[in-house]
């Protein structure tokens, strides 16, 4: 059996923020039962037991939401106990969690360190850009609480990276955001393009990210990153790191950059399993770990043709010089579908055309250096 990766939503879509662009709130509104409750101890035990029996070599338990920490720290402490109980094959276990960082305290920080969690901390740049859309239930900005959490993580030695949603506002302010991140010592960064609601023509919301804005964002961010890299100041930006990896002949570790959907297991609070975090919808449910085996889930995945469908290549992509490194992008950015039900060309095609024309020679230069020296900086 292969290594296995579970993305678990123990709090379903419950959240203590009201981010105005939240894609998972939109997902919840598009299924029969929006909120699926908090994960029961029985479901938690079933998924950990079955995952460790299925895994070979390595197993990753990653947590997301909603806000996964709303279920409470005792849930995660019990997870550690269950892992010890069921890890009979000596599988290497990895932990990760994505959090808004809004209400975490020192006990959480100690737990993350002691149990070696990699934490993704959501922060949308400076106070001005973060507080535009990442607000609490009263509509107040949450920047100060999140920065407090980042400083606490630094004190305790929590391993974390910063996750930034690229929306219509953060895209325009990337120079000040990048400078702010450097000043605060944030050296591991991920920038995630904002999603418009399912079924809508993208680009119409106040927070929407347009292809032109995203292309300009990528070009400027690359220039800032490259300048620092050449000056010996290495900052990890996941997307750029993956491109260098691809130029060296290795597959990208980021799912959306491979051109084909990976075999994911997204577990909702009720034990239901889905093939992708963007498609936690009734029609895509693969089964439930309270009653189904991983073999059952894989049979249903094949029936849905979820992965196979993502292999479709738009005719324009087949003729594009950038296709070997772009690969058409994430399936979700090829929605909404045509009237015939086919996936479209990636909404951000124009963005990537701009970006690769702007950066490819310098990325190839970096790749050659890495191949010769074995390192970037």
Protein backbone atom coordinates (compact mmCIF):
# COMPACT_ATOMS: atom_id res chain seq x y z
CA UNK A 1 0.00 0.00 0.00
CA UNK A 2 1.19 3.57 -0.69
CA UNK A 3 1.75 6.42 1.76
CA UNK A 4 -1.56 8.02 2.66
CA UNK A 5 -2.61 11.62 3.24
CA UNK A 6 -5.80 12.67 5.02
CA UNK A 7 -7.09 16.24 5.11
CA UNK A 8 -9.47 16.23 8.08
CA UNK A 9 -12.17 18.78 8.96
CA UNK A 10 -12.93 17.99 12.61
CA UNK A 11 -14.99 21.16 13.02
CA UNK A 12 -16.65 20.86 9.60
CA UNK A 13 -17.11 24.43 8.33
CA UNK A 14 -17.49 26.06 11.76
CA UNK A 15 -15.33 29.15 12.06
CA UNK A 16 -14.79 32.04 14.47
CA UNK A 17 -14.14 34.42 11.55
CA UNK A 18 -16.37 35.63 8.72
CA UNK A 19 -13.89 36.05 5.87
CA UNK A 20 -15.80 37.63 3.03
CA UNK A 21 -14.25 35.48 0.30
CA UNK A 22 -14.41 32.11 2.15
CA UNK A 23 -14.61 29.33 -0.44
CA UNK A 24 -15.65 26.70 2.09
CA UNK A 25 -18.67 28.70 3.20
CA UNK A 26 -19.72 28.63 -0.45
CA UNK A 27 -19.11 24.85 -0.62
CA UNK A 28 -21.30 24.32 2.45
CA UNK A 29 -24.13 26.34 0.91
CA UNK A 30 -24.09 24.02 -2.11
CA UNK A 31 -24.82 20.76 -0.26
CA UNK A 32 -27.94 19.42 1.40
CA UNK A 33 -26.56 19.72 4.94
CA UNK A 34 -24.22 22.66 5.31
CA UNK A 35 -22.64 22.13 8.74
CA UNK A 36 -21.82 18.51 9.53
CA UNK A 37 -21.14 18.98 13.24
CA UNK A 38 -17.99 18.32 15.24
CA UNK A 39 -16.24 15.01 14.75
CA UNK A 40 -17.22 12.36 17.28
CA UNK A 41 -14.63 10.28 19.16
CA UNK A 42 -15.90 7.19 17.30
CA UNK A 43 -15.35 8.75 13.89
CA UNK A 44 -11.93 10.03 14.94
CA UNK A 45 -10.89 6.54 16.02
CA UNK A 46 -12.22 4.90 12.86
CA UNK A 47 -10.33 7.20 10.52
CA UNK A 48 -7.02 6.96 12.40
CA UNK A 49 -7.24 3.18 12.71
CA UNK A 50 -8.14 2.66 9.05
CA UNK A 51 -5.53 5.13 7.80
CA UNK A 52 -2.70 3.50 9.74
CA UNK A 53 -3.77 0.04 8.67
CA UNK A 54 -3.84 1.21 5.04
CA UNK A 55 -0.64 3.28 4.98
CA UNK A 56 2.75 1.96 4.03
CA UNK A 57 5.83 3.86 5.14
CA UNK A 58 4.26 7.25 5.79
CA UNK A 59 0.93 8.75 6.82
CA UNK A 60 -0.02 12.43 7.03
CA UNK A 61 -2.84 13.73 9.18
CA UNK A 62 -3.54 17.30 8.10
CA UNK A 63 -6.32 19.41 9.62
CA UNK A 64 -8.32 22.21 8.07
CA UNK A 65 -11.77 23.74 8.27
CA UNK A 66 -13.56 25.96 8.79
CA UNK A 67 -11.35 26.49 11.78
CA UNK A 68 -10.13 23.08 12.96
CA UNK A 69 -9.01 24.24 16.41
CA UNK A 70 -12.63 25.02 17.40
CA UNK A 71 -13.06 21.35 18.28
CA UNK A 72 -10.64 21.90 21.15
CA UNK A 73 -7.12 20.78 22.04
CA UNK A 74 -8.32 17.57 23.70
CA UNK A 75 -9.32 16.24 20.27
CA UNK A 76 -5.74 16.57 19.03
CA UNK A 77 -4.30 15.11 22.23
CA UNK A 78 -6.57 12.11 21.77
CA UNK A 79 -5.40 11.82 18.16
CA UNK A 80 -1.84 11.37 19.43
CA UNK A 81 -3.02 8.60 21.76
CA UNK A 82 -4.89 6.84 18.96
CA UNK A 83 -1.90 7.07 16.65
CA UNK A 84 0.25 5.38 19.28
CA UNK A 85 -2.41 2.70 19.75
CA UNK A 86 -2.90 1.83 16.06
CA UNK A 87 0.51 2.46 14.53
CA UNK A 88 1.39 -1.21 14.64
CA UNK A 89 3.48 -1.11 11.44
CA UNK A 90 5.80 1.66 12.60
CA UNK A 91 4.55 4.11 9.97
CA UNK A 92 6.18 7.56 9.97
CA UNK A 93 3.41 10.00 10.86
CA UNK A 94 3.39 13.65 9.78
CA UNK A 95 1.09 16.35 11.15
CA UNK A 96 -0.08 19.62 9.64
CA UNK A 97 -2.81 22.10 10.41
CA UNK A 98 -4.16 25.24 8.77
CA UNK A 99 -5.50 27.82 11.21
CA UNK A 100 -6.63 31.42 11.23
CA UNK A 101 -4.66 31.83 14.47
CA UNK A 102 -7.39 34.00 15.94
CA UNK A 103 -7.82 32.42 19.38
CA UNK A 104 -4.77 30.23 20.03
CA UNK A 105 -2.87 30.34 23.30
CA UNK A 106 0.45 29.09 24.63
CA UNK A 107 -0.93 25.60 25.31
CA UNK A 108 -1.63 25.22 21.60
CA UNK A 109 1.88 26.44 20.76
CA UNK A 110 3.48 23.92 23.12
CA UNK A 111 1.36 21.13 21.66
CA UNK A 112 2.37 21.99 18.09
CA UNK A 113 6.05 21.94 19.03
CA UNK A 114 5.90 18.74 21.09
CA UNK A 115 3.97 16.89 18.37
CA UNK A 116 5.89 18.40 15.44
CA UNK A 117 2.98 20.01 13.63
CA UNK A 118 3.65 22.11 10.54
CA UNK A 119 1.24 25.03 10.89
CA UNK A 120 -0.18 27.08 8.06
CA UNK A 121 -1.13 30.47 9.51
CA UNK A 122 -3.55 32.54 7.44
CA UNK A 123 -2.51 36.18 7.10
CA UNK A 124 -3.42 38.50 4.24
CA UNK A 125 -0.47 40.87 4.33
CA UNK A 126 -0.45 44.13 6.24
CA UNK A 127 -3.18 45.29 8.59
CA UNK A 128 -4.76 47.30 5.79
CA UNK A 129 -5.11 44.36 3.39
CA UNK A 130 -5.78 41.68 6.01
CA UNK A 131 -8.59 43.54 7.76
CA UNK A 132 -10.35 44.27 4.47
CA UNK A 133 -11.83 40.77 4.27
CA UNK A 134 -10.63 38.69 7.25
CA UNK A 135 -13.06 39.90 9.90
CA UNK A 136 -14.69 38.52 13.04
CA UNK A 137 -18.47 37.97 13.47
CA UNK A 138 -18.86 41.62 14.44
CA UNK A 139 -17.17 42.74 11.23
CA UNK A 140 -13.99 43.86 12.98
CA UNK A 141 -10.53 43.18 11.54
CA UNK A 142 -8.46 40.34 12.99
CA UNK A 143 -4.93 41.33 12.02
CA UNK A 144 -3.67 42.16 15.51
CA UNK A 145 -4.77 38.80 16.94
CA UNK A 146 -3.15 36.87 14.09
CA UNK A 147 0.13 38.77 14.34
CA UNK A 148 0.11 38.11 18.08
CA UNK A 149 -0.15 34.40 17.30
CA UNK A 150 2.76 34.59 14.85
CA UNK A 151 4.92 36.23 17.51
CA UNK A 152 3.90 33.55 20.00
CA UNK A 153 4.85 30.85 17.47
CA UNK A 154 8.27 32.48 17.13
CA UNK A 155 8.80 32.46 20.89
CA UNK A 156 7.91 28.79 21.22
CA UNK A 157 9.65 27.62 18.06
CA UNK A 158 6.51 26.47 16.21
CA UNK A 159 7.27 25.49 12.61
CA UNK A 160 4.89 27.53 10.49
CA UNK A 161 4.39 29.22 7.16
CA UNK A 162 2.21 32.14 6.14
CA UNK A 163 -0.77 31.48 3.87
CA UNK A 164 -1.98 34.53 1.96
CA UNK A 165 -5.06 34.67 -0.24
CA UNK A 166 -4.37 36.68 -3.39
CA UNK A 167 -7.51 38.73 -3.94
CA UNK A 168 -8.20 41.99 -5.70
CA UNK A 169 -6.67 43.99 -2.85
CA UNK A 170 -3.64 41.92 -1.83
CA UNK A 171 -2.61 41.59 -5.49
CA UNK A 172 -2.29 45.36 -5.80
CA UNK A 173 -0.29 45.67 -2.57
CA UNK A 174 2.23 42.86 -2.97
CA UNK A 175 5.30 45.08 -2.70
CA UNK A 176 4.30 46.44 0.71
CA UNK A 177 3.11 42.97 1.80
CA UNK A 178 6.39 41.31 0.79
CA UNK A 179 8.38 44.04 2.56
CA UNK A 180 6.24 43.59 5.68
CA UNK A 181 6.75 39.82 5.67
CA UNK A 182 10.51 40.21 5.35
CA UNK A 183 10.62 42.75 8.16
CA UNK A 184 8.77 40.33 10.45
CA UNK A 185 10.97 37.37 9.58
CA UNK A 186 8.33 35.40 7.69
CA UNK A 187 10.48 33.30 5.38
CA UNK A 188 8.06 30.55 4.30
CA UNK A 189 5.20 31.89 2.22
CA UNK A 190 2.28 30.55 0.21
CA UNK A 191 0.10 32.71 -2.01
CA UNK A 192 -3.27 31.19 -2.98
CA UNK A 193 -5.45 32.72 -5.75
CA UNK A 194 -8.88 33.70 -4.49
CA UNK A 195 -11.85 31.60 -5.62
CA UNK A 196 -15.18 33.02 -6.68
CA UNK A 197 -18.34 31.08 -5.75
CA UNK A 198 -19.13 27.80 -7.52
CA UNK A 199 -21.14 28.20 -10.70
CA UNK A 200 -20.46 31.93 -11.04
CA UNK A 201 -18.55 33.51 -13.87
CA UNK A 202 -15.34 34.51 -12.07
CA UNK A 203 -14.26 38.11 -11.71
CA UNK A 204 -17.52 39.77 -10.68
CA UNK A 205 -17.14 40.01 -6.89
CA UNK A 206 -15.67 43.01 -5.08
CA UNK A 207 -12.82 40.83 -3.84
CA UNK A 208 -12.34 38.99 -7.15
CA UNK A 209 -8.90 38.45 -8.62
CA UNK A 210 -8.76 39.19 -12.35
CA UNK A 211 -6.28 37.49 -14.71
CA UNK A 212 -4.49 40.76 -15.43
CA UNK A 213 -4.15 41.62 -11.74
CA UNK A 214 -2.90 38.12 -10.92
CA UNK A 215 -0.38 38.22 -13.76
CA UNK A 216 0.99 41.55 -12.59
CA UNK A 217 1.10 40.23 -9.03
CA UNK A 218 3.14 37.16 -10.05
CA UNK A 219 5.60 39.20 -12.08
CA UNK A 220 6.27 41.72 -9.32
CA UNK A 221 6.45 39.08 -6.60
CA UNK A 222 8.95 37.12 -8.68
CA UNK A 223 11.09 40.22 -9.19
CA UNK A 224 11.17 40.85 -5.43
CA UNK A 225 11.95 37.19 -4.70
CA UNK A 226 14.65 36.98 -7.37
CA UNK A 227 16.32 40.18 -6.19
CA UNK A 228 16.62 38.84 -2.67
CA UNK A 229 17.75 35.44 -3.88
CA UNK A 230 20.57 36.99 -5.88
CA UNK A 231 21.55 38.99 -2.80
CA UNK A 232 21.86 35.78 -0.78
CA UNK A 233 18.60 36.29 1.12
CA UNK A 234 16.56 33.19 0.42
CA UNK A 235 12.81 33.28 1.00
CA UNK A 236 10.69 30.23 0.24
CA UNK A 237 7.65 30.92 -1.92
CA UNK A 238 5.96 27.59 -2.52
CA UNK A 239 4.83 28.29 -6.09
CA UNK A 240 8.25 29.45 -7.27
CA UNK A 241 10.01 26.61 -5.42
CA UNK A 242 7.78 24.18 -7.30
CA UNK A 243 8.58 25.70 -10.67
CA UNK A 244 12.31 25.34 -10.02
CA UNK A 245 11.71 21.75 -8.96
CA UNK A 246 9.82 21.08 -12.21
CA UNK A 247 12.59 22.61 -14.32
CA UNK A 248 14.96 20.19 -12.62
CA UNK A 249 12.81 17.30 -13.79
CA UNK A 250 10.99 16.55 -10.54
CA UNK A 251 7.21 16.48 -10.07
CA UNK A 252 5.67 19.41 -8.19
CA UNK A 253 4.58 18.68 -4.63
CA UNK A 254 1.69 21.13 -4.96
CA UNK A 255 -1.40 19.33 -6.27
CA UNK A 256 -2.74 22.16 -8.42
CA UNK A 257 0.50 22.48 -10.37
CA UNK A 258 0.73 18.91 -11.64
CA UNK A 259 -1.96 19.24 -14.28
CA UNK A 260 -3.80 16.18 -12.95
CA UNK A 261 -5.74 15.85 -9.69
CA UNK A 262 -3.96 13.84 -7.03
CA UNK A 263 -5.53 11.04 -4.97
CA UNK A 264 -6.75 13.00 -1.97
CA UNK A 265 -8.88 11.96 0.98
CA UNK A 266 -10.71 14.93 2.46
CA UNK A 267 -12.58 13.80 5.58
CA UNK A 268 -15.53 15.83 6.84
CA UNK A 269 -16.60 15.80 10.48
CA UNK A 270 -19.17 13.05 9.95
CA UNK A 271 -16.57 10.72 8.41
CA UNK A 272 -17.58 11.41 4.80
CA UNK A 273 -14.65 11.33 2.37
CA UNK A 274 -14.26 13.51 -0.74
CA UNK A 275 -11.67 13.64 -3.54
CA UNK A 276 -10.68 17.31 -3.14
CA UNK A 277 -11.08 20.17 -0.69
CA UNK A 278 -12.74 22.24 -3.44
CA UNK A 279 -15.34 19.53 -4.10
CA UNK A 280 -16.70 18.57 -0.67
CA UNK A 281 -20.14 18.30 -2.22
CA UNK A 282 -22.84 15.64 -1.96
CA UNK A 283 -22.36 14.38 -5.51
CA UNK A 284 -18.64 13.82 -4.95
CA UNK A 285 -18.85 11.86 -1.69
CA UNK A 286 -16.73 8.70 -1.96
CA UNK A 287 -18.12 7.03 1.14
CA UNK A 288 -17.78 7.24 4.91
CA UNK A 289 -14.94 5.91 7.05
CA UNK A 290 -17.39 4.85 9.74
CA UNK A 291 -18.60 2.08 7.46
CA UNK A 292 -16.42 1.96 4.32
CA UNK A 293 -12.88 0.75 3.71
CA UNK A 294 -10.28 2.60 1.66
CA UNK A 295 -10.81 -0.04 -1.03
CA UNK A 296 -14.49 1.01 -1.15
CA UNK A 297 -13.47 4.67 -1.46
CA UNK A 298 -11.10 3.92 -4.33
CA UNK A 299 -13.81 2.03 -6.22
CA UNK A 300 -16.13 5.00 -5.90
CA UNK A 301 -13.35 7.40 -6.98
CA UNK A 302 -12.89 5.39 -10.18
CA UNK A 303 -16.64 5.39 -10.80
CA UNK A 304 -16.73 9.18 -10.52
CA UNK A 305 -13.77 9.52 -12.92
CA UNK A 306 -12.73 12.52 -10.82
CA UNK A 307 -9.00 12.18 -11.45
CA UNK A 308 -9.42 11.00 -15.05
CA UNK A 309 -11.59 14.00 -15.90
CA UNK A 310 -8.79 16.37 -14.87
CA UNK A 311 -6.54 14.90 -17.59
CA UNK A 312 -8.52 16.68 -20.31
CA UNK A 313 -6.34 19.24 -22.09
CA UNK A 314 -7.84 22.33 -23.66
CA UNK A 315 -6.90 22.61 -27.37
CA UNK A 316 -5.22 25.98 -26.76
CA UNK A 317 -3.07 24.42 -24.02
CA UNK A 318 -1.82 21.75 -26.39
CA UNK A 319 -0.38 24.46 -28.63
CA UNK A 320 1.04 26.64 -25.84
CA UNK A 321 4.79 26.89 -25.29
CA UNK A 322 4.24 27.16 -21.54
CA UNK A 323 2.14 24.03 -21.17
CA UNK A 324 5.02 21.78 -19.97
CA UNK A 325 5.42 23.95 -16.87
CA UNK A 326 1.87 25.35 -16.56
CA UNK A 327 0.06 22.04 -17.27
CA UNK A 328 -3.31 23.71 -17.35
CA UNK A 329 -3.52 24.42 -13.65
CA UNK A 330 -5.95 23.27 -10.98
CA UNK A 331 -9.26 21.76 -12.04
CA UNK A 332 -11.24 24.15 -9.81
CA UNK A 333 -9.92 27.15 -11.77
CA UNK A 334 -11.39 25.59 -14.93
CA UNK A 335 -14.92 26.03 -13.59
CA UNK A 336 -17.68 26.88 -14.36
CA UNK A 337 -18.05 24.28 -17.07
CA UNK A 338 -19.32 24.75 -20.58
CA UNK A 339 -22.95 24.03 -21.46
CA UNK A 340 -21.77 20.60 -22.57
CA UNK A 341 -20.30 19.92 -19.13
CA UNK A 342 -16.65 20.15 -20.18
CA UNK A 343 -13.96 21.90 -18.15
CA UNK A 344 -12.85 25.22 -19.56
CA UNK A 345 -9.41 26.67 -20.01
CA UNK A 346 -7.92 27.94 -16.75
CA UNK A 347 -9.40 31.31 -15.78
CA UNK A 348 -5.87 32.56 -15.07
CA UNK A 349 -4.39 31.51 -18.42
CA UNK A 350 -3.56 35.13 -19.27
CA UNK A 351 -1.84 35.49 -15.88
CA UNK A 352 0.48 32.54 -16.49
CA UNK A 353 1.27 33.65 -20.02
CA UNK A 354 2.38 37.01 -18.61
CA UNK A 355 4.33 35.42 -15.78
CA UNK A 356 6.27 32.78 -17.72
CA UNK A 357 7.24 35.22 -20.46
CA UNK A 358 8.52 37.53 -17.70
CA UNK A 359 10.37 35.00 -15.56
CA UNK A 360 11.31 31.82 -17.43
CA UNK A 361 14.91 32.77 -18.31
CA UNK A 362 15.67 33.63 -14.68
CA UNK A 363 13.96 30.48 -13.39
CA UNK A 364 16.06 28.41 -15.78
CA UNK A 365 19.15 30.22 -14.51
CA UNK A 366 18.24 29.30 -10.93
CA UNK A 367 17.55 25.70 -11.91
CA UNK A 368 20.97 25.40 -13.58
CA UNK A 369 22.64 26.76 -10.45
CA UNK A 370 20.74 24.35 -8.21
CA UNK A 371 21.66 21.43 -10.46
CA UNK A 372 25.34 22.35 -10.21
CA UNK A 373 25.52 23.29 -6.54
CA UNK A 374 22.65 21.35 -4.97
CA UNK A 375 21.20 24.47 -3.36
CA UNK A 376 19.53 27.77 -4.24
CA UNK A 377 21.15 30.37 -2.01
